[in-house]
Amino acid sequence: MATETAHLKITGMSCGHCVAAVERALDRLPGVSGRKVKVGSAEVQYEPERVGLDQIRKVIADEGYEAV
């Protein structure tokens, strides 16, 4: 399956705990094949046939952060 890469700015993150929370949330999504998360941003590789960008933003929001 083809993958796409999303570069997201994430507001509300301030520490390693925030990074770990976002990483865990992304790891639970089927279709996310890779991710690099740091305070304030994330690069997410995903399969658009399995998971949409809206779903990725929602799991980040569910952790208390906003992804744009």
N, C-alpha and C. Protein backbone atom coordinates (compact mmCIF):
# COMPACT_ATOMS: atom_id res chain seq x y z
N MET A 1 0.84 -1.19 0.00
CA MET A 1 0.00 0.00 0.00
C MET A 1 0.88 1.24 0.00
N ALA A 2 0.39 2.27 -0.64
CA ALA A 2 1.11 3.53 -0.71
C ALA A 2 1.00 4.26 0.62
N THR A 3 2.07 4.95 0.97
CA THR A 3 2.04 5.74 2.20
C THR A 3 2.21 7.21 1.86
N GLU A 4 1.70 8.02 2.74
CA GLU A 4 1.87 9.47 2.66
C GLU A 4 2.51 9.92 3.96
N THR A 5 3.09 11.10 3.94
CA THR A 5 3.70 11.66 5.14
C THR A 5 3.02 12.98 5.47
N ALA A 6 2.59 13.09 6.72
CA ALA A 6 1.98 14.32 7.21
C ALA A 6 2.95 14.99 8.18
N HIS A 7 3.15 16.28 8.00
CA HIS A 7 3.97 17.07 8.92
C HIS A 7 3.01 17.93 9.73
N LEU A 8 2.91 17.64 11.01
CA LEU A 8 1.93 18.30 11.86
C LEU A 8 2.60 19.18 12.90
N LYS A 9 2.03 20.35 13.11
CA LYS A 9 2.42 21.20 14.23
C LYS A 9 1.45 20.84 15.36
N ILE A 10 1.98 20.59 16.55
CA ILE A 10 1.13 20.18 17.67
C ILE A 10 1.29 21.19 18.79
N THR A 11 0.19 21.81 19.17
CA THR A 11 0.23 22.79 20.24
C THR A 11 -0.14 22.13 21.57
N GLY A 12 0.39 22.68 22.65
CA GLY A 12 0.08 22.20 23.98
C GLY A 12 1.10 21.22 24.55
N MET A 13 2.07 20.82 23.75
CA MET A 13 3.10 19.88 24.22
C MET A 13 4.22 20.66 24.90
N SER A 14 4.77 20.07 25.99
CA SER A 14 5.84 20.79 26.68
C SER A 14 6.94 19.88 27.22
N CYS A 15 6.80 18.55 27.10
CA CYS A 15 7.80 17.68 27.73
C CYS A 15 7.80 16.29 27.10
N GLY A 16 8.69 15.45 27.60
CA GLY A 16 8.80 14.09 27.12
C GLY A 16 7.54 13.27 27.36
N HIS A 17 6.84 13.56 28.44
CA HIS A 17 5.57 12.85 28.70
C HIS A 17 4.57 13.13 27.59
N CYS A 18 4.53 14.37 27.13
CA CYS A 18 3.63 14.74 26.03
C CYS A 18 4.00 13.97 24.76
N VAL A 19 5.28 13.90 24.47
CA VAL A 19 5.76 13.16 23.30
C VAL A 19 5.34 11.70 23.40
N ALA A 20 5.56 11.09 24.56
CA ALA A 20 5.21 9.68 24.75
C ALA A 20 3.71 9.45 24.59
N ALA A 21 2.89 10.36 25.08
CA ALA A 21 1.44 10.21 24.96
C ALA A 21 1.01 10.24 23.50
N VAL A 22 1.57 11.14 22.72
CA VAL A 22 1.23 11.23 21.30
C VAL A 22 1.74 9.99 20.56
N GLU A 23 2.95 9.55 20.87
CA GLU A 23 3.49 8.34 20.24
C GLU A 23 2.60 7.14 20.49
N ARG A 24 2.17 6.95 21.73
CA ARG A 24 1.30 5.82 22.06
C ARG A 24 -0.02 5.90 21.30
N ALA A 25 -0.59 7.09 21.22
CA ALA A 25 -1.86 7.27 20.52
C ALA A 25 -1.70 6.93 19.04
N LEU A 26 -0.62 7.37 18.43
CA LEU A 26 -0.40 7.09 17.02
C LEU A 26 -0.12 5.61 16.78
N ASP A 27 0.57 4.98 17.71
CA ASP A 27 0.88 3.55 17.57
C ASP A 27 -0.38 2.68 17.59
N ARG A 28 -1.44 3.17 18.20
CA ARG A 28 -2.69 2.40 18.27
C ARG A 28 -3.50 2.47 16.98
N LEU A 29 -3.16 3.39 16.09
CA LEU A 29 -3.95 3.56 14.87
C LEU A 29 -3.50 2.57 13.80
N PRO A 30 -4.42 1.77 13.28
CA PRO A 30 -4.06 0.93 12.14
C PRO A 30 -3.81 1.81 10.93
N GLY A 31 -2.77 1.52 10.20
CA GLY A 31 -2.45 2.30 9.02
C GLY A 31 -1.34 3.31 9.23
N VAL A 32 -0.96 3.55 10.49
CA VAL A 32 0.20 4.41 10.75
C VAL A 32 1.42 3.50 10.73
N SER A 33 2.32 3.78 9.77
CA SER A 33 3.46 2.89 9.59
C SER A 33 4.76 3.46 10.16
N GLY A 34 4.75 4.70 10.56
CA GLY A 34 5.93 5.29 11.17
C GLY A 34 5.60 6.66 11.71
N ARG A 35 6.39 7.08 12.69
CA ARG A 35 6.17 8.41 13.26
C ARG A 35 7.43 8.89 13.94
N LYS A 36 7.65 10.20 13.86
CA LYS A 36 8.71 10.89 14.58
C LYS A 36 8.04 12.03 15.31
N VAL A 37 8.04 11.96 16.62
CA VAL A 37 7.34 12.96 17.42
C VAL A 37 8.36 13.68 18.29
N LYS A 38 8.26 15.00 18.34
CA LYS A 38 9.05 15.78 19.28
C LYS A 38 8.14 16.89 19.81
N VAL A 39 8.58 17.57 20.82
CA VAL A 39 7.75 18.61 21.42
C VAL A 39 7.38 19.62 20.33
N GLY A 40 6.08 19.76 20.09
CA GLY A 40 5.58 20.74 19.15
C GLY A 40 5.35 20.26 17.73
N SER A 41 5.76 19.04 17.41
CA SER A 41 5.55 18.59 16.02
C SER A 41 5.60 17.07 15.91
N ALA A 42 5.11 16.62 14.77
CA ALA A 42 5.17 15.19 14.46
C ALA A 42 5.24 15.02 12.95
N GLU A 43 5.97 14.00 12.55
CA GLU A 43 5.99 13.56 11.16
C GLU A 43 5.41 12.16 11.17
N VAL A 44 4.31 11.96 10.48
CA VAL A 44 3.58 10.70 10.54
C VAL A 44 3.49 10.10 9.15
N GLN A 45 3.94 8.86 9.02
CA GLN A 45 3.76 8.12 7.77
C GLN A 45 2.53 7.24 7.95
N TYR A 46 1.62 7.31 6.98
CA TYR A 46 0.37 6.59 7.11
C TYR A 46 -0.13 6.12 5.75
N GLU A 47 -1.00 5.14 5.79
CA GLU A 47 -1.64 4.59 4.59
C GLU A 47 -3.03 5.21 4.48
N PRO A 48 -3.23 6.12 3.54
CA PRO A 48 -4.52 6.82 3.46
C PRO A 48 -5.71 5.91 3.19
N GLU A 49 -5.47 4.71 2.66
CA GLU A 49 -6.57 3.77 2.46
C GLU A 49 -7.08 3.19 3.78
N ARG A 50 -6.23 3.25 4.81
CA ARG A 50 -6.60 2.65 6.10
C ARG A 50 -6.91 3.67 7.18
N VAL A 51 -6.28 4.83 7.11
CA VAL A 51 -6.46 5.85 8.15
C VAL A 51 -6.37 7.22 7.51
N GLY A 52 -7.25 8.12 7.94
CA GLY A 52 -7.26 9.47 7.39
C GLY A 52 -6.58 10.47 8.31
N LEU A 53 -6.23 11.59 7.74
CA LEU A 53 -5.59 12.65 8.51
C LEU A 53 -6.50 13.14 9.63
N ASP A 54 -7.81 13.15 9.40
CA ASP A 54 -8.74 13.54 10.46
C ASP A 54 -8.67 12.60 11.65
N GLN A 55 -8.52 11.30 11.37
CA GLN A 55 -8.39 10.32 12.47
C GLN A 55 -7.09 10.54 13.23
N ILE A 56 -6.03 10.85 12.53
CA ILE A 56 -4.74 11.11 13.18
C ILE A 56 -4.86 12.33 14.08
N ARG A 57 -5.46 13.39 13.56
CA ARG A 57 -5.65 14.60 14.38
C ARG A 57 -6.53 14.32 15.59
N LYS A 58 -7.56 13.47 15.41
CA LYS A 58 -8.48 13.17 16.51
C LYS A 58 -7.78 12.43 17.65
N VAL A 59 -6.93 11.43 17.35
CA VAL A 59 -6.28 10.71 18.44
C VAL A 59 -5.30 11.63 19.17
N ILE A 60 -4.71 12.57 18.45
CA ILE A 60 -3.83 13.55 19.11
C ILE A 60 -4.67 14.46 20.00
N ALA A 61 -5.82 14.91 19.49
CA ALA A 61 -6.72 15.75 20.28
C ALA A 61 -7.25 15.01 21.51
N ASP A 62 -7.50 13.71 21.37
CA ASP A 62 -7.96 12.91 22.50
C ASP A 62 -6.93 12.88 23.63
N GLU A 63 -5.66 13.10 23.30
CA GLU A 63 -4.61 13.15 24.31
C GLU A 63 -4.46 14.55 24.90
N GLY A 64 -5.22 15.52 24.38
CA GLY A 64 -5.21 16.87 24.94
C GLY A 64 -4.40 17.89 24.15
N TYR A 65 -4.03 17.57 22.92
CA TYR A 65 -3.20 18.47 22.11
C TYR A 65 -3.93 18.78 20.81
N GLU A 66 -3.52 19.84 20.14
CA GLU A 66 -4.14 20.21 18.86
C GLU A 66 -3.10 20.06 17.76
N ALA A 67 -3.46 19.33 16.72
CA ALA A 67 -2.57 19.12 15.57
C ALA A 67 -3.11 19.87 14.37
N VAL A 68 -2.24 20.65 13.74
CA VAL A 68 -2.62 21.39 12.52
C VAL A 68 -1.61 21.11 11.43
